[in-house]
Amino acid sequence: MAKFLFGLITGVVLSVAGLLLLFFALARTFRESPPVVAQNSVLQLHLSGDIPERPPVEIPFGALAERPAATVTGVWMTLRKAAVDARIKAVVLEPESLSVGWGKLEEFRADLERFKKSGKPLFAFLKTPGAREYYLASAADRIYLGPTDWVNLKGMRVELMYFKKTLDKIGVDVQVEHDGKYKDFGDMFTRTSMSPETQEVMTGIVDDLYGNLIGRIAQARQKPPEAVRALIDQGPFLANDALHDGLVDQLRYEDQMFADLQQKVNSGELHRLSTGNYQKVPPDSLGLEGRHRIAMLVGDGTITRGAAGDDGVSDDGIQATGFNKLLRRIAGDASVDGVVVRIDSPGGDAVASDEIWREMNLLSKKKP
């Protein structure tokens, strides 16, 4: 009996302590004021990993709290604010170990080019860059690399996995009903290599992406596309080779790069500002408020039908029931003048997708 009472009291105390901790953490979050941006600041735009469409759930507990995650929309808004913010003198791009798709990379690069129209310097500092990191950096005014680093730029490839031989060894036979030659999802279980149709599609996709990569680099580095294609065939590159071949502008350590930037700006000592802190600066404080309210709706993940109680804000993919509720709410909100719907999904349930398609069409008849 004593052990039971002790356990009960301990559980109650821990529960109360947890609730109090959560209360104070949330209270601190809600009353947190926007950061103070110093004059002569440099925005360090650090991009790494898979940049999501929307931020993950944050843990607001002191040391456990994560830095605000960069998102696709966040990068766009951050650069838009930096372009008109007189306190921001330049942007330093620091892409590292990116795993985002080329569609998002194209958006980020367009954001960087739009920022450059402000006339403010855009420098890039690279750390063992691959094709993705170098593609973004090529939009910068100057590209820096560490003296002992290297550029892992060597073209593109596509890989597909086929399991038929493995399944044969364990006596499993998979039967797939095909709907056309190009519907090849089941091929991974029934074939040992690409079909001619799959190879045709994959080759076309890679050729298109690779051609765009070469064209962008050629334009940025002022080289003929044929010369860039021949150069990449020689990759990867040690630091001195990357400098000699014109892939980078300077071999410097990071502090030396900031010294060069300070000399370029010529406005005194520069203060470094992280992307996470600058994201908290409200756009309306810089005169970026608009006359219209535009709803932003993000669908991220596999498409499923969902359940009746879904509200559309789950992290478990795109659930048609909840997603359609949000679409109907936006359609009926008179204060919303337009809608941007972003979908980042590998696909999913055909019926659920059709239901969302129907709701999107109904929405488009009411709002742009």
Protein backbone atom coordinates (compact mmCIF):
# COMPACT_ATOMS: atom_id res chain seq x y z
CA MET A 1 0.00 0.00 0.00
CA ALA A 2 2.85 2.38 0.86
CA LYS A 3 4.53 1.71 -2.50
CA PHE A 4 1.25 2.39 -4.30
CA LEU A 5 0.75 5.73 -2.50
CA PHE A 6 4.37 6.71 -3.13
CA GLY A 7 3.99 5.95 -6.84
CA LEU A 8 0.72 7.83 -7.04
CA ILE A 9 2.12 10.93 -5.33
CA THR A 10 5.25 10.79 -7.51
CA GLY A 11 3.12 10.59 -10.65
CA VAL A 12 0.97 13.53 -9.58
CA VAL A 13 4.02 15.65 -8.73
CA LEU A 14 5.69 14.87 -12.05
CA SER A 15 2.50 15.61 -13.98
CA VAL A 16 2.05 18.96 -12.24
CA ALA A 17 5.70 19.83 -12.78
CA GLY A 18 5.40 18.94 -16.46
CA LEU A 19 2.31 21.10 -16.89
CA LEU A 20 3.98 24.03 -15.14
CA LEU A 21 7.06 23.67 -17.33
CA LEU A 22 4.88 23.62 -20.45
CA PHE A 23 2.92 26.67 -19.24
CA PHE A 24 6.03 28.77 -18.59
CA ALA A 25 7.62 27.67 -21.86
CA LEU A 26 4.53 28.64 -23.86
CA ALA A 27 4.20 31.91 -21.95
CA ARG A 28 7.79 32.75 -22.76
CA THR A 29 7.21 31.90 -26.41
CA PHE A 30 4.13 34.10 -26.71
CA ARG A 31 5.70 37.13 -25.02
CA GLU A 32 9.00 36.83 -26.87
CA SER A 33 9.66 40.10 -28.65
CA PRO A 34 11.13 40.31 -32.16
CA PRO A 35 14.94 40.35 -32.25
CA VAL A 36 16.82 43.61 -32.46
CA VAL A 37 18.57 43.90 -35.82
CA ALA A 38 21.78 45.90 -35.52
CA GLN A 39 22.90 48.38 -38.11
CA ASN A 40 25.44 47.01 -40.60
CA SER A 41 24.16 43.45 -40.28
CA VAL A 42 24.96 40.55 -42.59
CA LEU A 43 22.32 37.86 -42.97
CA GLN A 44 23.82 34.36 -42.87
CA LEU A 45 21.47 32.21 -44.94
CA HIS A 46 22.37 28.68 -43.86
CA LEU A 47 20.49 25.99 -45.80
CA SER A 48 20.95 22.29 -45.10
CA GLY A 49 19.13 18.99 -45.31
CA ASP A 50 15.59 18.76 -46.66
CA ILE A 51 13.96 22.20 -46.57
CA PRO A 52 10.30 21.46 -45.77
CA GLU A 53 7.24 23.26 -47.03
CA ARG A 54 6.12 23.93 -43.46
CA PRO A 55 8.03 23.94 -40.15
CA PRO A 56 7.91 20.87 -37.89
CA VAL A 57 6.36 20.98 -34.44
CA GLU A 58 8.68 23.00 -32.18
CA ILE A 59 9.81 21.93 -28.70
CA PRO A 60 9.81 25.13 -26.59
CA PHE A 61 11.96 23.79 -23.71
CA GLY A 62 15.15 25.76 -23.22
CA ALA A 63 18.11 23.62 -24.29
CA LEU A 64 15.79 21.21 -26.12
CA ALA A 65 14.32 24.00 -28.22
CA GLU A 66 15.41 23.81 -31.84
CA ARG A 67 16.28 26.73 -34.03
CA PRO A 68 13.39 27.79 -36.26
CA ALA A 69 13.54 25.52 -39.30
CA ALA A 70 14.00 27.09 -42.72
CA THR A 71 11.02 26.52 -45.00
CA VAL A 72 10.45 27.20 -48.69
CA THR A 73 8.20 30.16 -47.92
CA GLY A 74 10.49 31.27 -45.09
CA VAL A 75 13.51 31.53 -47.40
CA TRP A 76 11.49 33.60 -49.86
CA MET A 77 10.22 35.98 -47.17
CA THR A 78 13.62 36.24 -45.47
CA LEU A 79 15.32 37.36 -48.68
CA ARG A 80 12.42 39.67 -49.52
CA LYS A 81 12.78 41.38 -46.12
CA ALA A 82 16.57 41.56 -46.41
CA ALA A 83 16.30 43.28 -49.80
CA VAL A 84 14.38 46.27 -48.35
CA ASP A 85 15.83 46.32 -44.82
CA ALA A 86 18.37 49.17 -44.62
CA ARG A 87 20.04 47.46 -41.65
CA ILE A 88 20.96 44.43 -43.78
CA LYS A 89 24.00 45.29 -45.87
CA ALA A 90 24.60 41.89 -47.50
CA VAL A 91 23.69 38.21 -47.49
CA VAL A 92 26.09 35.31 -47.09
CA LEU A 93 24.73 32.07 -48.52
CA GLU A 94 25.94 28.89 -46.77
CA PRO A 95 24.43 25.79 -48.42
CA GLU A 96 25.56 22.49 -46.90
CA SER A 97 24.52 18.84 -47.33
CA LEU A 98 21.30 19.71 -49.12
CA SER A 99 18.86 16.91 -49.93
CA VAL A 100 16.04 18.96 -51.47
CA GLY A 101 14.63 18.29 -54.92
CA TRP A 102 15.61 20.30 -57.94
CA GLY A 103 12.21 22.01 -58.09
CA LYS A 104 12.82 23.64 -54.71
CA LEU A 105 16.39 24.47 -55.65
CA GLU A 106 15.09 26.32 -58.69
CA GLU A 107 12.81 28.37 -56.44
CA PHE A 108 15.64 29.19 -54.02
CA ARG A 109 17.89 30.25 -56.86
CA ALA A 110 15.19 32.52 -58.25
CA ASP A 111 14.79 34.04 -54.76
CA LEU A 112 18.54 34.73 -54.64
CA GLU A 113 18.54 36.34 -58.07
CA ARG A 114 15.59 38.51 -57.04
CA PHE A 115 17.51 39.62 -53.95
CA LYS A 116 20.50 40.63 -56.06
CA LYS A 117 18.33 43.21 -57.83
CA SER A 118 18.42 45.19 -54.56
CA GLY A 119 22.06 45.97 -55.30
CA LYS A 120 23.28 44.42 -52.03
CA PRO A 121 26.20 41.97 -52.18
CA LEU A 122 25.49 38.24 -52.17
CA PHE A 123 28.48 36.09 -51.21
CA ALA A 124 28.53 32.29 -51.00
CA PHE A 125 30.76 30.26 -48.68
CA LEU A 126 30.90 26.56 -49.58
CA LYS A 127 31.85 23.53 -47.51
CA THR A 128 32.55 20.46 -49.69
CA PRO A 129 29.71 21.33 -52.06
CA GLY A 130 27.99 18.90 -54.39
CA ALA A 131 25.89 19.77 -57.43
CA ARG A 132 22.97 21.09 -55.35
CA GLU A 133 25.07 23.41 -53.19
CA TYR A 134 27.11 24.67 -56.14
CA TYR A 135 23.95 25.27 -58.20
CA LEU A 136 22.66 27.67 -55.52
CA ALA A 137 26.07 29.28 -54.97
CA SER A 138 26.41 30.04 -58.68
CA ALA A 139 23.79 32.78 -58.21
CA ALA A 140 26.14 34.68 -55.85
CA ASP A 141 28.38 37.62 -56.75
CA ARG A 142 31.41 35.77 -55.37
CA ILE A 143 31.95 32.13 -54.41
CA TYR A 144 34.38 31.26 -51.59
CA LEU A 145 35.85 27.87 -50.68
CA GLY A 146 38.20 26.81 -47.88
CA PRO A 147 41.86 26.43 -48.99
CA THR A 148 41.89 22.68 -48.17
CA ASP A 149 38.32 21.88 -49.22
CA TRP A 150 37.08 20.39 -52.49
CA VAL A 151 34.14 20.66 -54.90
CA ASN A 152 32.25 17.41 -55.40
CA LEU A 153 30.75 18.44 -58.74
CA LYS A 154 30.61 15.49 -61.15
CA GLY A 155 27.27 15.43 -62.92
CA MET A 156 24.01 13.64 -62.16
CA ARG A 157 22.73 10.09 -61.97
CA VAL A 158 19.49 8.25 -61.28
CA GLU A 159 19.17 5.00 -59.35
CA LEU A 160 16.24 2.57 -59.24
CA MET A 161 15.99 -0.63 -57.20
CA TYR A 162 14.61 -3.95 -58.47
CA PHE A 163 13.83 -6.88 -56.17
CA LYS A 164 12.76 -9.72 -58.50
CA LYS A 165 15.91 -11.80 -58.00
CA THR A 166 15.62 -11.40 -54.23
CA LEU A 167 11.96 -12.42 -54.32
CA ASP A 168 12.83 -15.42 -56.52
CA LYS A 169 15.23 -16.67 -53.85
CA ILE A 170 12.47 -16.78 -51.24
CA GLY A 171 9.87 -18.17 -53.62
CA VAL A 172 7.69 -15.05 -53.88
CA ASP A 173 5.94 -14.28 -57.15
CA VAL A 174 4.41 -10.81 -57.53
CA GLN A 175 1.69 -10.25 -60.12
CA VAL A 176 1.02 -6.69 -61.27
CA GLU A 177 -1.72 -5.45 -63.58
CA HIS A 178 -0.31 -2.69 -65.77
CA ASP A 179 -2.28 0.26 -67.13
CA GLY A 180 -0.06 1.41 -69.97
CA LYS A 181 3.64 0.98 -70.66
CA TYR A 182 4.74 3.99 -68.60
CA LYS A 183 3.00 3.01 -65.34
CA ASP A 184 6.05 1.28 -63.89
CA PHE A 185 5.64 1.27 -60.11
CA GLY A 186 5.19 -2.53 -59.98
CA ASP A 187 8.29 -3.13 -62.11
CA MET A 188 10.48 -3.13 -59.01
CA PHE A 189 8.90 -6.46 -58.05
CA THR A 190 8.62 -8.04 -61.52
CA ARG A 191 11.74 -6.92 -63.39
CA THR A 192 15.49 -6.99 -62.85
CA SER A 193 16.21 -3.72 -64.68
CA MET A 194 14.52 -0.73 -66.27
CA SER A 195 12.03 -1.20 -69.06
CA PRO A 196 12.73 0.76 -72.27
CA GLU A 197 9.91 3.15 -71.34
CA THR A 198 11.29 3.78 -67.84
CA GLN A 199 14.77 4.32 -69.25
CA GLU A 200 13.33 6.78 -71.77
CA VAL A 201 11.58 8.79 -69.05
CA MET A 202 14.48 8.76 -66.58
CA THR A 203 16.97 9.75 -69.28
CA GLY A 204 14.74 12.62 -70.34
CA ILE A 205 14.39 13.90 -66.78
CA VAL A 206 18.12 13.72 -66.03
CA ASP A 207 19.05 15.30 -69.37
CA ASP A 208 16.67 18.19 -68.68
CA LEU A 209 17.98 18.76 -65.13
CA TYR A 210 21.60 18.43 -66.21
CA GLY A 211 21.11 20.80 -69.13
CA ASN A 212 19.60 23.37 -66.76
CA LEU A 213 22.51 22.94 -64.32
CA ILE A 214 25.07 23.47 -67.07
CA GLY A 215 23.20 26.43 -68.53
CA ARG A 216 22.91 28.20 -65.18
CA ILE A 217 26.56 27.65 -64.29
CA ALA A 218 27.68 28.75 -67.75
CA GLN A 219 25.70 31.97 -67.50
CA ALA A 220 26.87 32.72 -63.95
CA ARG A 221 30.54 31.91 -64.52
CA GLN A 222 30.57 33.45 -68.02
CA LYS A 223 31.65 30.27 -69.78
CA PRO A 224 30.29 28.51 -72.88
CA PRO A 225 27.94 25.62 -71.98
CA GLU A 226 30.18 23.18 -73.84
CA ALA A 227 33.14 24.25 -71.72
CA VAL A 228 31.15 23.75 -68.51
CA ARG A 229 29.99 20.30 -69.63
CA ALA A 230 33.58 19.29 -70.41
CA LEU A 231 34.76 20.75 -67.10
CA ILE A 232 32.23 18.84 -65.00
CA ASP A 233 33.33 15.63 -66.72
CA GLN A 234 36.69 16.15 -64.97
CA GLY A 235 35.21 16.47 -61.46
CA PRO A 236 35.48 16.35 -58.52
CA PHE A 237 37.92 19.21 -57.95
CA LEU A 238 40.47 20.01 -55.27
CA ALA A 239 40.42 23.59 -54.03
CA ASN A 240 43.27 24.84 -56.22
CA ASP A 241 41.81 23.14 -59.29
CA ALA A 242 38.37 24.66 -58.61
CA LEU A 243 40.00 28.10 -58.41
CA HIS A 244 42.10 27.52 -61.55
CA ASP A 245 39.06 26.34 -63.53
CA GLY A 246 36.97 29.32 -62.46
CA LEU A 247 34.43 27.44 -60.38
CA VAL A 248 35.19 29.58 -57.31
CA ASP A 249 36.51 33.12 -56.94
CA GLN A 250 38.63 32.91 -53.80
CA LEU A 251 40.15 30.30 -51.49
CA ARG A 252 39.63 31.82 -48.06
CA TYR A 253 38.69 30.82 -44.56
CA GLU A 254 35.32 32.03 -43.37
CA ASP A 255 36.70 34.92 -41.31
CA GLN A 256 38.72 36.08 -44.33
CA MET A 257 35.57 35.97 -46.47
CA PHE A 258 33.77 38.21 -43.97
CA ALA A 259 36.75 40.59 -44.02
CA ASP A 260 36.46 40.81 -47.82
CA LEU A 261 32.74 41.45 -47.49
CA GLN A 262 33.32 44.22 -44.95
CA GLN A 263 35.71 45.87 -47.35
CA LYS A 264 33.17 45.49 -50.15
CA VAL A 265 30.34 47.06 -48.13
CA ASN A 266 32.65 49.74 -46.67
CA SER A 267 30.30 50.71 -43.85
CA GLY A 268 32.18 49.76 -40.70
CA GLU A 269 32.09 46.61 -38.61
CA LEU A 270 29.58 44.00 -39.76
CA HIS A 271 27.28 42.12 -37.40
CA ARG A 272 26.32 38.56 -38.28
CA LEU A 273 22.61 37.75 -38.11
CA SER A 274 21.30 34.19 -38.27
CA THR A 275 18.39 33.20 -40.48
CA GLY A 276 16.49 31.82 -37.49
CA ASN A 277 16.53 35.17 -35.68
CA TYR A 278 15.75 37.23 -38.77
CA GLN A 279 12.73 35.06 -39.56
CA LYS A 280 11.12 36.47 -36.39
CA VAL A 281 11.21 40.03 -37.74
CA PRO A 282 7.61 40.82 -38.81
CA PRO A 283 7.30 41.83 -42.48
CA ASP A 284 4.93 44.70 -41.69
CA SER A 285 7.70 46.39 -39.68
CA LEU A 286 9.51 46.85 -43.00
CA GLY A 287 6.53 48.12 -44.93
CA LEU A 288 5.85 44.80 -46.65
CA GLU A 289 2.22 44.54 -45.63
CA GLY A 290 -0.13 44.23 -48.59
CA ARG A 291 -3.63 45.41 -49.40
CA HIS A 292 -4.91 41.87 -49.84
CA ARG A 293 -5.02 38.80 -47.62
CA ILE A 294 -3.68 35.72 -49.39
CA ALA A 295 -4.17 32.31 -47.80
CA MET A 296 -1.23 29.87 -47.88
CA LEU A 297 -2.24 26.22 -47.73
CA VAL A 298 0.43 23.51 -47.72
CA GLY A 299 -0.12 19.83 -48.44
CA ASP A 300 2.92 17.74 -47.51
CA GLY A 301 3.22 13.95 -47.68
CA THR A 302 1.30 10.95 -49.02
CA ILE A 303 -2.34 11.49 -49.97
CA THR A 304 -4.87 9.40 -48.01
CA ARG A 305 -8.64 9.56 -47.49
CA GLY A 306 -8.45 10.35 -43.75
CA ALA A 307 -11.17 10.13 -41.13
CA ALA A 308 -14.27 12.22 -40.39
CA GLY A 309 -12.59 14.03 -37.49
CA ASP A 310 -9.50 15.18 -39.42
CA ASP A 311 -8.99 18.95 -39.37
CA GLY A 312 -6.27 19.24 -42.02
CA VAL A 313 -3.41 20.22 -39.71
CA SER A 314 -1.92 16.76 -39.14
CA ASP A 315 1.73 15.95 -39.86
CA ASP A 316 0.68 12.54 -41.22
CA GLY A 317 0.55 13.46 -44.88
CA ILE A 318 -2.35 14.95 -46.84
CA GLN A 319 -5.65 13.60 -45.55
CA ALA A 320 -8.41 14.43 -48.02
CA THR A 321 -11.15 14.86 -45.40
CA GLY A 322 -9.26 17.47 -43.38
CA PHE A 323 -7.61 19.12 -46.40
CA ASN A 324 -10.99 19.63 -48.05
CA LYS A 325 -12.32 21.19 -44.84
CA LEU A 326 -9.56 23.78 -45.04
CA LEU A 327 -10.31 24.45 -48.71
CA ARG A 328 -13.99 25.01 -47.88
CA ARG A 329 -13.07 27.31 -44.97
CA ILE A 330 -10.92 29.42 -47.28
CA ALA A 331 -13.66 29.51 -49.89
CA GLY A 332 -16.15 30.81 -47.32
CA ASP A 333 -13.83 33.37 -45.71
CA ALA A 334 -14.73 36.77 -47.15
CA SER A 335 -11.53 38.33 -45.78
CA VAL A 336 -9.33 36.10 -47.98
CA ASP A 337 -8.82 37.51 -51.48
CA GLY A 338 -6.72 34.74 -53.02
CA VAL A 339 -5.10 31.38 -52.32
CA VAL A 340 -1.72 29.78 -52.86
CA VAL A 341 -1.80 25.98 -52.51
CA ARG A 342 1.56 24.22 -52.39
CA ILE A 343 1.66 20.44 -52.79
CA ASP A 344 4.77 18.41 -51.98
CA SER A 345 3.67 14.80 -52.35
CA PRO A 346 4.69 11.52 -54.00
CA GLY A 347 1.00 10.81 -54.69
CA GLY A 348 -1.24 8.30 -52.96
CA ASP A 349 -4.87 7.24 -52.91
CA ALA A 350 -6.55 7.90 -56.27
CA VAL A 351 -10.02 8.48 -54.79
CA ALA A 352 -8.69 10.90 -52.17
CA SER A 353 -6.74 12.77 -54.85
CA ASP A 354 -9.88 13.03 -56.98
CA GLU A 355 -11.87 14.43 -54.04
CA ILE A 356 -9.20 17.10 -53.43
CA TRP A 357 -9.15 17.89 -57.16
CA ARG A 358 -12.92 18.45 -57.06
CA GLU A 359 -12.70 20.74 -54.01
CA MET A 360 -9.84 22.72 -55.60
CA ASN A 361 -11.97 23.32 -58.69
CA LEU A 362 -14.86 24.56 -56.57
CA LEU A 363 -12.48 26.91 -54.72
CA SER A 364 -10.99 28.28 -57.94
CA LYS A 365 -14.45 29.39 -59.07
CA LYS A 366 -14.68 31.66 -56.00
CA LYS A 367 -11.12 32.94 -55.53
CA PRO A 368 -7.98 33.09 -57.64
